[in-house]
Structure formats: structure tokens, C-alpha cells
Amino acid sequence: MEGDIPISDLPTKKSAPRTAKGVFAAWEQRTALVKQETAAENAYNDAKTARLKALRLEKEAQDAEAARLAALNAPPVAVKKRVKRGV
């Protein structure tokens, strides 16, 4: 067994010499993954923004209706009489 190579010394896939084509392909895969994750995050944020905007507009409409009803039901404002002052 003197001529045998220990298992730990065998070349592995990771230690194989890299080629320019292989490095470029790995870079393209990582770039595509990052773009995909970014697009998913942007879509999530856009959906959240649209939902919050709809809720805000609904609340503003309810507040405007409540203010309109309060103005209709409020007692009329008393008109102040002008006081004449002598000079």
C-alpha cells in the first residue's frame, strides 16, 4: 500500500483548476439569483405600498364623511354683535 494515495489527498471537484468559462458561469448564476431576489423584494414592497395606500385613502374618506356629518349636525354659530366704542 505504499503506492496508494491517501483519500484526503485526492483532487476534489472544488480544487479542480478553474477556467474562465466556469468562473464567468458561476458569476452569471450569482448575478441572476441576486436579480431574482431583488425583483421579489421589490414586488413585495410594491404590494405592501399599494395596500397601505388603499387603507390610507379609505381612512381619509371616512374622516371626510365624519367631518361633513359633524358640520351638518353642529348647531349654527352665533353671530357676534359689533360693539361701538366711543372716541
PDB file of N, CA and C in Angstrom:
ATOM      1  N   MET A   1       0.806  -1.198   0.000  1.00  0.00           N
ATOM      2  CA  MET A   1       0.000   0.000   0.000  1.00  0.00           C
ATOM      3  C   MET A   1       0.853   1.268   0.000  1.00  0.00           C
ATOM      4  N   GLU A   2       2.110   1.128  -0.259  1.00  0.00           N
ATOM      5  CA  GLU A   2       2.973   2.299  -0.273  1.00  0.00           C
ATOM      6  C   GLU A   2       2.677   3.201  -1.460  1.00  0.00           C
ATOM      7  N   GLY A   3       2.252   2.666  -2.573  1.00  0.00           N
ATOM      8  CA  GLY A   3       1.989   3.457  -3.763  1.00  0.00           C
ATOM      9  C   GLY A   3       0.609   4.089  -3.774  1.00  0.00           C
ATOM     10  N   ASP A   4      -0.238   3.738  -2.828  1.00  0.00           N
ATOM     11  CA  ASP A   4      -1.597   4.278  -2.787  1.00  0.00           C
ATOM     12  C   ASP A   4      -1.585   5.730  -2.300  1.00  0.00           C
ATOM     13  N   ILE A   5      -2.513   6.497  -2.819  1.00  0.00           N
ATOM     14  CA  ILE A   5      -2.663   7.893  -2.393  1.00  0.00           C
ATOM     15  C   ILE A   5      -3.740   7.937  -1.314  1.00  0.00           C
ATOM     16  N   PRO A   6      -3.460   8.583  -0.197  1.00  0.00           N
ATOM     17  CA  PRO A   6      -4.496   8.684   0.834  1.00  0.00           C
ATOM     18  C   PRO A   6      -5.720   9.427   0.289  1.00  0.00           C
ATOM     19  N   ILE A   7      -6.869   9.075   0.812  1.00  0.00           N
ATOM     20  CA  ILE A   7      -8.117   9.659   0.324  1.00  0.00           C
ATOM     21  C   ILE A   7      -8.129  11.172   0.488  1.00  0.00           C
ATOM     22  N   SER A   8      -7.549  11.671   1.545  1.00  0.00           N
ATOM     23  CA  SER A   8      -7.569  13.109   1.788  1.00  0.00           C
ATOM     24  C   SER A   8      -6.752  13.867   0.749  1.00  0.00           C
ATOM     25  N   ASP A   9      -5.836  13.203   0.052  1.00  0.00           N
ATOM     26  CA  ASP A   9      -5.008  13.880  -0.935  1.00  0.00           C
ATOM     27  C   ASP A   9      -5.572  13.817  -2.345  1.00  0.00           C
ATOM     28  N   LEU A  10      -6.700  13.146  -2.540  1.00  0.00           N
ATOM     29  CA  LEU A  10      -7.291  13.043  -3.868  1.00  0.00           C
ATOM     30  C   LEU A  10      -7.818  14.402  -4.308  1.00  0.00           C
ATOM     31  N   PRO A  11      -7.668  14.719  -5.561  1.00  0.00           N
ATOM     32  CA  PRO A  11      -8.205  16.005  -6.031  1.00  0.00           C
ATOM     33  C   PRO A  11      -9.733  15.998  -5.948  1.00  0.00           C
ATOM     34  N   THR A  12     -10.286  17.095  -5.511  1.00  0.00           N
ATOM     35  CA  THR A  12     -11.739  17.212  -5.392  1.00  0.00           C
ATOM     36  C   THR A  12     -12.262  18.134  -6.475  1.00  0.00           C
ATOM     37  N   LYS A  13     -13.552  18.145  -6.575  1.00  0.00           N
ATOM     38  CA  LYS A  13     -14.191  18.999  -7.574  1.00  0.00           C
ATOM     39  C   LYS A  13     -13.905  20.475  -7.290  1.00  0.00           C
ATOM     40  N   LYS A  14     -13.874  20.811  -5.994  1.00  0.00           N
ATOM     41  CA  LYS A  14     -13.645  22.211  -5.638  1.00  0.00           C
ATOM     42  C   LYS A  14     -12.216  22.646  -5.921  1.00  0.00           C
ATOM     43  N   SER A  15     -11.272  21.720  -5.818  1.00  0.00           N
ATOM     44  CA  SER A  15      -9.884  22.106  -6.027  1.00  0.00           C
ATOM     45  C   SER A  15      -9.466  21.983  -7.490  1.00  0.00           C
ATOM     46  N   ALA A  16     -10.391  21.605  -8.354  1.00  0.00           N
ATOM     47  CA  ALA A  16     -10.081  21.498  -9.771  1.00  0.00           C
ATOM     48  C   ALA A  16      -9.726  22.884 -10.295  1.00  0.00           C
ATOM     49  N   PRO A  17      -8.802  22.949 -11.244  1.00  0.00           N
ATOM     50  CA  PRO A  17      -8.430  24.269 -11.765  1.00  0.00           C
ATOM     51  C   PRO A  17      -9.640  24.949 -12.403  1.00  0.00           C
ATOM     52  N   ARG A  18      -9.771  26.205 -12.122  1.00  0.00           N
ATOM     53  CA  ARG A  18     -10.912  26.953 -12.649  1.00  0.00           C
ATOM     54  C   ARG A  18     -10.589  27.486 -14.030  1.00  0.00           C
ATOM     55  N   THR A  19     -11.604  27.480 -14.857  1.00  0.00           N
ATOM     56  CA  THR A  19     -11.449  28.046 -16.188  1.00  0.00           C
ATOM     57  C   THR A  19     -12.187  29.365 -16.222  1.00  0.00           C
ATOM     58  N   ALA A  20     -11.850  30.184 -17.160  1.00  0.00           N
ATOM     59  CA  ALA A  20     -12.514  31.483 -17.283  1.00  0.00           C
ATOM     60  C   ALA A  20     -13.999  31.282 -17.546  1.00  0.00           C
ATOM     61  N   LYS A  21     -14.316  30.268 -18.328  1.00  0.00           N
ATOM     62  CA  LYS A  21     -15.714  29.986 -18.657  1.00  0.00           C
ATOM     63  C   LYS A  21     -16.482  29.576 -17.392  1.00  0.00           C
ATOM     64  N   GLY A  22     -15.858  28.734 -16.562  1.00  0.00           N
ATOM     65  CA  GLY A  22     -16.510  28.287 -15.326  1.00  0.00           C
ATOM     66  C   GLY A  22     -16.706  29.416 -14.338  1.00  0.00           C
ATOM     67  N   VAL A  23     -15.718  30.272 -14.199  1.00  0.00           N
ATOM     68  CA  VAL A  23     -15.820  31.417 -13.290  1.00  0.00           C
ATOM     69  C   VAL A  23     -16.913  32.356 -13.768  1.00  0.00           C
ATOM     70  N   PHE A  24     -16.953  32.608 -15.082  1.00  0.00           N
ATOM     71  CA  PHE A  24     -17.967  33.503 -15.633  1.00  0.00           C
ATOM     72  C   PHE A  24     -19.363  32.921 -15.455  1.00  0.00           C
ATOM     73  N   ALA A  25     -19.506  31.609 -15.633  1.00  0.00           N
ATOM     74  CA  ALA A  25     -20.815  30.972 -15.467  1.00  0.00           C
ATOM     75  C   ALA A  25     -21.275  31.071 -14.007  1.00  0.00           C
ATOM     76  N   ALA A  26     -20.367  30.877 -13.071  1.00  0.00           N
ATOM     77  CA  ALA A  26     -20.724  30.997 -11.650  1.00  0.00           C
ATOM     78  C   ALA A  26     -21.129  32.429 -11.330  1.00  0.00           C
ATOM     79  N   TRP A  27     -20.399  33.386 -11.897  1.00  0.00           N
ATOM     80  CA  TRP A  27     -20.728  34.794 -11.668  1.00  0.00           C
ATOM     81  C   TRP A  27     -22.107  35.117 -12.241  1.00  0.00           C
ATOM     82  N   GLU A  28     -22.405  34.608 -13.428  1.00  0.00           N
ATOM     83  CA  GLU A  28     -23.722  34.840 -14.033  1.00  0.00           C
ATOM     84  C   GLU A  28     -24.832  34.226 -13.187  1.00  0.00           C
ATOM     85  N   GLN A  29     -24.599  33.044 -12.638  1.00  0.00           N
ATOM     86  CA  GLN A  29     -25.614  32.410 -11.789  1.00  0.00           C
ATOM     87  C   GLN A  29     -25.880  33.237 -10.540  1.00  0.00           C
ATOM     88  N   ARG A  30     -24.815  33.706  -9.902  1.00  0.00           N
ATOM     89  CA  ARG A  30     -24.988  34.534  -8.697  1.00  0.00           C
ATOM     90  C   ARG A  30     -25.706  35.838  -9.030  1.00  0.00           C
ATOM     91  N   THR A  31     -25.329  36.447 -10.155  1.00  0.00           N
ATOM     92  CA  THR A  31     -25.966  37.694 -10.572  1.00  0.00           C
ATOM     93  C   THR A  31     -27.449  37.473 -10.844  1.00  0.00           C
ATOM     94  N   ALA A  32     -27.781  36.387 -11.518  1.00  0.00           N
ATOM     95  CA  ALA A  32     -29.191  36.089 -11.813  1.00  0.00           C
ATOM     96  C   ALA A  32     -29.964  35.852 -10.523  1.00  0.00           C
ATOM     97  N   LEU A  33     -29.356  35.165  -9.566  1.00  0.00           N
ATOM     98  CA  LEU A  33     -30.015  34.912  -8.290  1.00  0.00           C
ATOM     99  C   LEU A  33     -30.269  36.210  -7.539  1.00  0.00           C
ATOM    100  N   VAL A  34     -29.277  37.094  -7.517  1.00  0.00           N
ATOM    101  CA  VAL A  34     -29.432  38.385  -6.828  1.00  0.00           C
ATOM    102  C   VAL A  34     -30.530  39.212  -7.502  1.00  0.00           C
ATOM    103  N   LYS A  35     -30.550  39.216  -8.834  1.00  0.00           N
ATOM    104  CA  LYS A  35     -31.593  39.967  -9.547  1.00  0.00           C
ATOM    105  C   LYS A  35     -32.976  39.403  -9.250  1.00  0.00           C
ATOM    106  N   GLN A  36     -33.062  38.080  -9.181  1.00  0.00           N
ATOM    107  CA  GLN A  36     -34.348  37.437  -8.885  1.00  0.00           C
ATOM    108  C   GLN A  36     -34.808  37.793  -7.473  1.00  0.00           C
ATOM    109  N   GLU A  37     -33.898  37.750  -6.505  1.00  0.00           N
ATOM    110  CA  GLU A  37     -34.252  38.100  -5.122  1.00  0.00           C
ATOM    111  C   GLU A  37     -34.647  39.568  -5.020  1.00  0.00           C
ATOM    112  N   THR A  38     -33.937  40.434  -5.726  1.00  0.00           N
ATOM    113  CA  THR A  38     -34.255  41.862  -5.716  1.00  0.00           C
ATOM    114  C   THR A  38     -35.633  42.114  -6.322  1.00  0.00           C
ATOM    115  N   ALA A  39     -35.934  41.439  -7.417  1.00  0.00           N
ATOM    116  CA  ALA A  39     -37.240  41.602  -8.058  1.00  0.00           C
ATOM    117  C   ALA A  39     -38.360  41.125  -7.131  1.00  0.00           C
ATOM    118  N   ALA A  40     -38.140  40.019  -6.433  1.00  0.00           N
ATOM    119  CA  ALA A  40     -39.151  39.510  -5.500  1.00  0.00           C
ATOM    120  C   ALA A  40     -39.356  40.485  -4.353  1.00  0.00           C
ATOM    121  N   GLU A  41     -38.272  41.048  -3.843  1.00  0.00           N
ATOM    122  CA  GLU A  41     -38.385  42.010  -2.741  1.00  0.00           C
ATOM    123  C   GLU A  41     -39.087  43.282  -3.204  1.00  0.00           C
ATOM    124  N   ASN A  42     -38.774  43.740  -4.422  1.00  0.00           N
ATOM    125  CA  ASN A  42     -39.444  44.933  -4.962  1.00  0.00           C
ATOM    126  C   ASN A  42     -40.935  44.682  -5.156  1.00  0.00           C
ATOM    127  N   ALA A  43     -41.296  43.512  -5.640  1.00  0.00           N
ATOM    128  CA  ALA A  43     -42.711  43.179  -5.827  1.00  0.00           C
ATOM    129  C   ALA A  43     -43.431  43.151  -4.487  1.00  0.00           C
ATOM    130  N   TYR A  44     -42.786  42.596  -3.460  1.00  0.00           N
ATOM    131  CA  TYR A  44     -43.380  42.563  -2.124  1.00  0.00           C
ATOM    132  C   TYR A  44     -43.588  43.981  -1.599  1.00  0.00           C
ATOM    133  N   ASN A  45     -42.573  44.829  -1.750  1.00  0.00           N
ATOM    134  CA  ASN A  45     -42.689  46.208  -1.264  1.00  0.00           C
ATOM    135  C   ASN A  45     -43.743  46.991  -2.036  1.00  0.00           C
ATOM    136  N   ASP A  46     -43.852  46.768  -3.347  1.00  0.00           N
ATOM    137  CA  ASP A  46     -44.873  47.447  -4.150  1.00  0.00           C
ATOM    138  C   ASP A  46     -46.278  47.038  -3.709  1.00  0.00           C
ATOM    139  N   ALA A  47     -46.464  45.749  -3.442  1.00  0.00           N
ATOM    140  CA  ALA A  47     -47.771  45.264  -2.989  1.00  0.00           C
ATOM    141  C   ALA A  47     -48.113  45.845  -1.617  1.00  0.00           C
ATOM    142  N   LYS A  48     -47.130  45.908  -0.738  1.00  0.00           N
ATOM    143  CA  LYS A  48     -47.353  46.461   0.600  1.00  0.00           C
ATOM    144  C   LYS A  48     -47.695  47.944   0.513  1.00  0.00           C
ATOM    145  N   THR A  49     -46.986  48.671  -0.357  1.00  0.00           N
ATOM    146  CA  THR A  49     -47.254  50.099  -0.527  1.00  0.00           C
ATOM    147  C   THR A  49     -48.658  50.330  -1.075  1.00  0.00           C
ATOM    148  N   ALA A  50     -49.070  49.528  -2.044  1.00  0.00           N
ATOM    149  CA  ALA A  50     -50.413  49.675  -2.621  1.00  0.00           C
ATOM    150  C   ALA A  50     -51.488  49.387  -1.568  1.00  0.00           C
ATOM    151  N   ARG A  51     -51.257  48.368  -0.748  1.00  0.00           N
ATOM    152  CA  ARG A  51     -52.226  48.028   0.296  1.00  0.00           C
ATOM    153  C   ARG A  51     -52.327  49.158   1.323  1.00  0.00           C
ATOM    154  N   LEU A  52     -51.190  49.692   1.742  1.00  0.00           N
ATOM    155  CA  LEU A  52     -51.205  50.776   2.729  1.00  0.00           C
ATOM    156  C   LEU A  52     -51.828  52.046   2.157  1.00  0.00           C
ATOM    157  N   LYS A  53     -51.590  52.316   0.875  1.00  0.00           N
ATOM    158  CA  LYS A  53     -52.183  53.491   0.242  1.00  0.00           C
ATOM    159  C   LYS A  53     -53.703  53.356   0.194  1.00  0.00           C
ATOM    160  N   ALA A  54     -54.183  52.161  -0.140  1.00  0.00           N
ATOM    161  CA  ALA A  54     -55.632  51.933  -0.175  1.00  0.00           C
ATOM    162  C   ALA A  54     -56.241  52.119   1.210  1.00  0.00           C
ATOM    163  N   LEU A  55     -55.568  51.611   2.231  1.00  0.00           N
ATOM    164  CA  LEU A  55     -56.070  51.792   3.599  1.00  0.00           C
ATOM    165  C   LEU A  55     -56.091  53.263   4.001  1.00  0.00           C
ATOM    166  N   ARG A  56     -55.028  53.995   3.624  1.00  0.00           N
ATOM    167  CA  ARG A  56     -54.961  55.422   3.964  1.00  0.00           C
ATOM    168  C   ARG A  56     -56.068  56.199   3.256  1.00  0.00           C
ATOM    169  N   LEU A  57     -56.285  55.922   1.977  1.00  0.00           N
ATOM    170  CA  LEU A  57     -57.338  56.624   1.229  1.00  0.00           C
ATOM    171  C   LEU A  57     -58.714  56.308   1.803  1.00  0.00           C
ATOM    172  N   GLU A  58     -58.927  55.063   2.212  1.00  0.00           N
ATOM    173  CA  GLU A  58     -60.204  54.685   2.815  1.00  0.00           C
ATOM    174  C   GLU A  58     -60.421  55.436   4.129  1.00  0.00           C
ATOM    175  N   LYS A  59     -59.377  55.531   4.954  1.00  0.00           N
ATOM    176  CA  LYS A  59     -59.487  56.236   6.231  1.00  0.00           C
ATOM    177  C   LYS A  59     -59.733  57.721   5.998  1.00  0.00           C
ATOM    178  N   GLU A  60     -59.050  58.313   5.019  1.00  0.00           N
ATOM    179  CA  GLU A  60     -59.272  59.731   4.710  1.00  0.00           C
ATOM    180  C   GLU A  60     -60.701  59.974   4.251  1.00  0.00           C
ATOM    181  N   ALA A  61     -61.269  59.066   3.473  1.00  0.00           N
ATOM    182  CA  ALA A  61     -62.653  59.207   3.012  1.00  0.00           C
ATOM    183  C   ALA A  61     -63.618  59.112   4.195  1.00  0.00           C
ATOM    184  N   GLN A  62     -63.338  58.178   5.119  1.00  0.00           N
ATOM    185  CA  GLN A  62     -64.178  58.055   6.309  1.00  0.00           C
ATOM    186  C   GLN A  62     -64.087  59.308   7.179  1.00  0.00           C
ATOM    187  N   ASP A  63     -62.885  59.845   7.339  1.00  0.00           N
ATOM    188  CA  ASP A  63     -62.710  61.060   8.135  1.00  0.00           C
ATOM    189  C   ASP A  63     -63.426  62.250   7.496  1.00  0.00           C
ATOM    190  N   ALA A  64     -63.355  62.353   6.162  1.00  0.00           N
ATOM    191  CA  ALA A  64     -64.026  63.450   5.469  1.00  0.00           C
ATOM    192  C   ALA A  64     -65.544  63.334   5.630  1.00  0.00           C
ATOM    193  N   GLU A  65     -66.062  62.113   5.545  1.00  0.00           N
ATOM    194  CA  GLU A  65     -67.507  61.909   5.724  1.00  0.00           C
ATOM    195  C   GLU A  65     -67.921  62.240   7.152  1.00  0.00           C
ATOM    196  N   ALA A  66     -67.110  61.841   8.123  1.00  0.00           N
ATOM    197  CA  ALA A  66     -67.419  62.147   9.522  1.00  0.00           C
ATOM    198  C   ALA A  66     -67.398  63.660   9.754  1.00  0.00           C
ATOM    199  N   ALA A  67     -66.451  64.370   9.161  1.00  0.00           N
ATOM    200  CA  ALA A  67     -66.373  65.826   9.310  1.00  0.00           C
ATOM    201  C   ALA A  67     -67.574  66.498   8.654  1.00  0.00           C
ATOM    202  N   ARG A  68     -67.996  65.967   7.500  1.00  0.00           N
ATOM    203  CA  ARG A  68     -69.165  66.535   6.813  1.00  0.00           C
ATOM    204  C   ARG A  68     -70.425  66.356   7.658  1.00  0.00           C
ATOM    205  N   LEU A  69     -70.600  65.164   8.235  1.00  0.00           N
ATOM    206  CA  LEU A  69     -71.767  64.920   9.077  1.00  0.00           C
ATOM    207  C   LEU A  69     -71.719  65.753  10.348  1.00  0.00           C
ATOM    208  N   ALA A  70     -70.545  65.933  10.912  1.00  0.00           N
ATOM    209  CA  ALA A  70     -70.406  66.754  12.118  1.00  0.00           C
ATOM    210  C   ALA A  70     -70.749  68.207  11.808  1.00  0.00           C
ATOM    211  N   ALA A  71     -70.366  68.681  10.636  1.00  0.00           N
ATOM    212  CA  ALA A  71     -70.672  70.057  10.251  1.00  0.00           C
ATOM    213  C   ALA A  71     -72.172  70.234  10.028  1.00  0.00           C
ATOM    214  N   LEU A  72     -72.843  69.211   9.483  1.00  0.00           N
ATOM    215  CA  LEU A  72     -74.287  69.305   9.270  1.00  0.00           C
ATOM    216  C   LEU A  72     -75.057  69.275  10.590  1.00  0.00           C
ATOM    217  N   ASN A  73     -74.588  68.500  11.537  1.00  0.00           N
ATOM    218  CA  ASN A  73     -75.296  68.345  12.803  1.00  0.00           C
ATOM    219  C   ASN A  73     -74.894  69.370  13.861  1.00  0.00           C
ATOM    220  N   ALA A  74     -73.888  70.157  13.580  1.00  0.00           N
ATOM    221  CA  ALA A  74     -73.423  71.145  14.561  1.00  0.00           C
ATOM    222  C   ALA A  74     -74.437  72.284  14.642  1.00  0.00           C
ATOM    223  N   PRO A  75     -74.608  72.834  15.845  1.00  0.00           N
ATOM    224  CA  PRO A  75     -75.514  73.981  15.969  1.00  0.00           C
ATOM    225  C   PRO A  75     -74.933  75.170  15.222  1.00  0.00           C
ATOM    226  N   PRO A  76     -75.813  76.044  14.737  1.00  0.00           N
ATOM    227  CA  PRO A  76     -75.315  77.206  13.995  1.00  0.00           C
ATOM    228  C   PRO A  76     -74.454  78.090  14.905  1.00  0.00           C
ATOM    229  N   VAL A  77     -73.477  78.684  14.316  1.00  0.00           N
ATOM    230  CA  VAL A  77     -72.571  79.551  15.057  1.00  0.00           C
ATOM    231  C   VAL A  77     -73.274  80.876  15.325  1.00  0.00           C
ATOM    232  N   ALA A  78     -73.213  81.307  16.578  1.00  0.00           N
ATOM    233  CA  ALA A  78     -73.843  82.580  16.942  1.00  0.00           C
ATOM    234  C   ALA A  78     -73.030  83.730  16.353  1.00  0.00           C
ATOM    235  N   VAL A  79     -73.749  84.691  15.787  1.00  0.00           N
ATOM    236  CA  VAL A  79     -73.089  85.828  15.175  1.00  0.00           C
ATOM    237  C   VAL A  79     -72.805  86.844  16.271  1.00  0.00           C
ATOM    238  N   LYS A  80     -71.576  87.300  16.360  1.00  0.00           N
ATOM    239  CA  LYS A  80     -71.223  88.293  17.370  1.00  0.00           C
ATOM    240  C   LYS A  80     -71.687  89.657  16.903  1.00  0.00           C
ATOM    241  N   LYS A  81     -72.236  90.404  17.850  1.00  0.00           N
ATOM    242  CA  LYS A  81     -72.651  91.761  17.524  1.00  0.00           C
ATOM    243  C   LYS A  81     -71.460  92.677  17.684  1.00  0.00           C
ATOM    244  N   ARG A  82     -71.435  93.668  16.835  1.00  0.00           N
ATOM    245  CA  ARG A  82     -70.356  94.618  16.872  1.00  0.00           C
ATOM    246  C   ARG A  82     -70.597  95.609  17.982  1.00  0.00           C
ATOM    247  N   VAL A  83     -69.569  95.874  18.729  1.00  0.00           N
ATOM    248  CA  VAL A  83     -69.683  96.836  19.811  1.00  0.00           C
ATOM    249  C   VAL A  83     -69.113  98.155  19.340  1.00  0.00           C
ATOM    250  N   LYS A  84     -69.932  99.220  19.488  1.00  0.00           N
ATOM    251  CA  LYS A  84     -69.454 100.537  19.091  1.00  0.00           C
ATOM    252  C   LYS A  84     -68.740 101.154  20.276  1.00  0.00           C
ATOM    253  N   ARG A  85     -67.640 101.696  20.032  1.00  0.00           N
ATOM    254  CA  ARG A  85     -66.865 102.334  21.104  1.00  0.00           C
ATOM    255  C   ARG A  85     -66.806 103.822  20.845  1.00  0.00           C
ATOM    256  N   GLY A  86     -66.942 104.509  21.883  1.00  0.00           N
ATOM    257  CA  GLY A  86     -66.880 105.964  21.763  1.00  0.00           C
ATOM    258  C   GLY A  86     -65.449 106.435  21.791  1.00  0.00           C
ATOM    259  N   VAL A  87     -65.221 107.478  21.064  1.00  0.00           N
ATOM    260  CA  VAL A  87     -63.871 108.007  20.980  1.00  0.00           C
ATOM    261  C   VAL A  87     -63.654 109.057  22.017  1.00  0.00           C
TER     262      VAL A  87
END
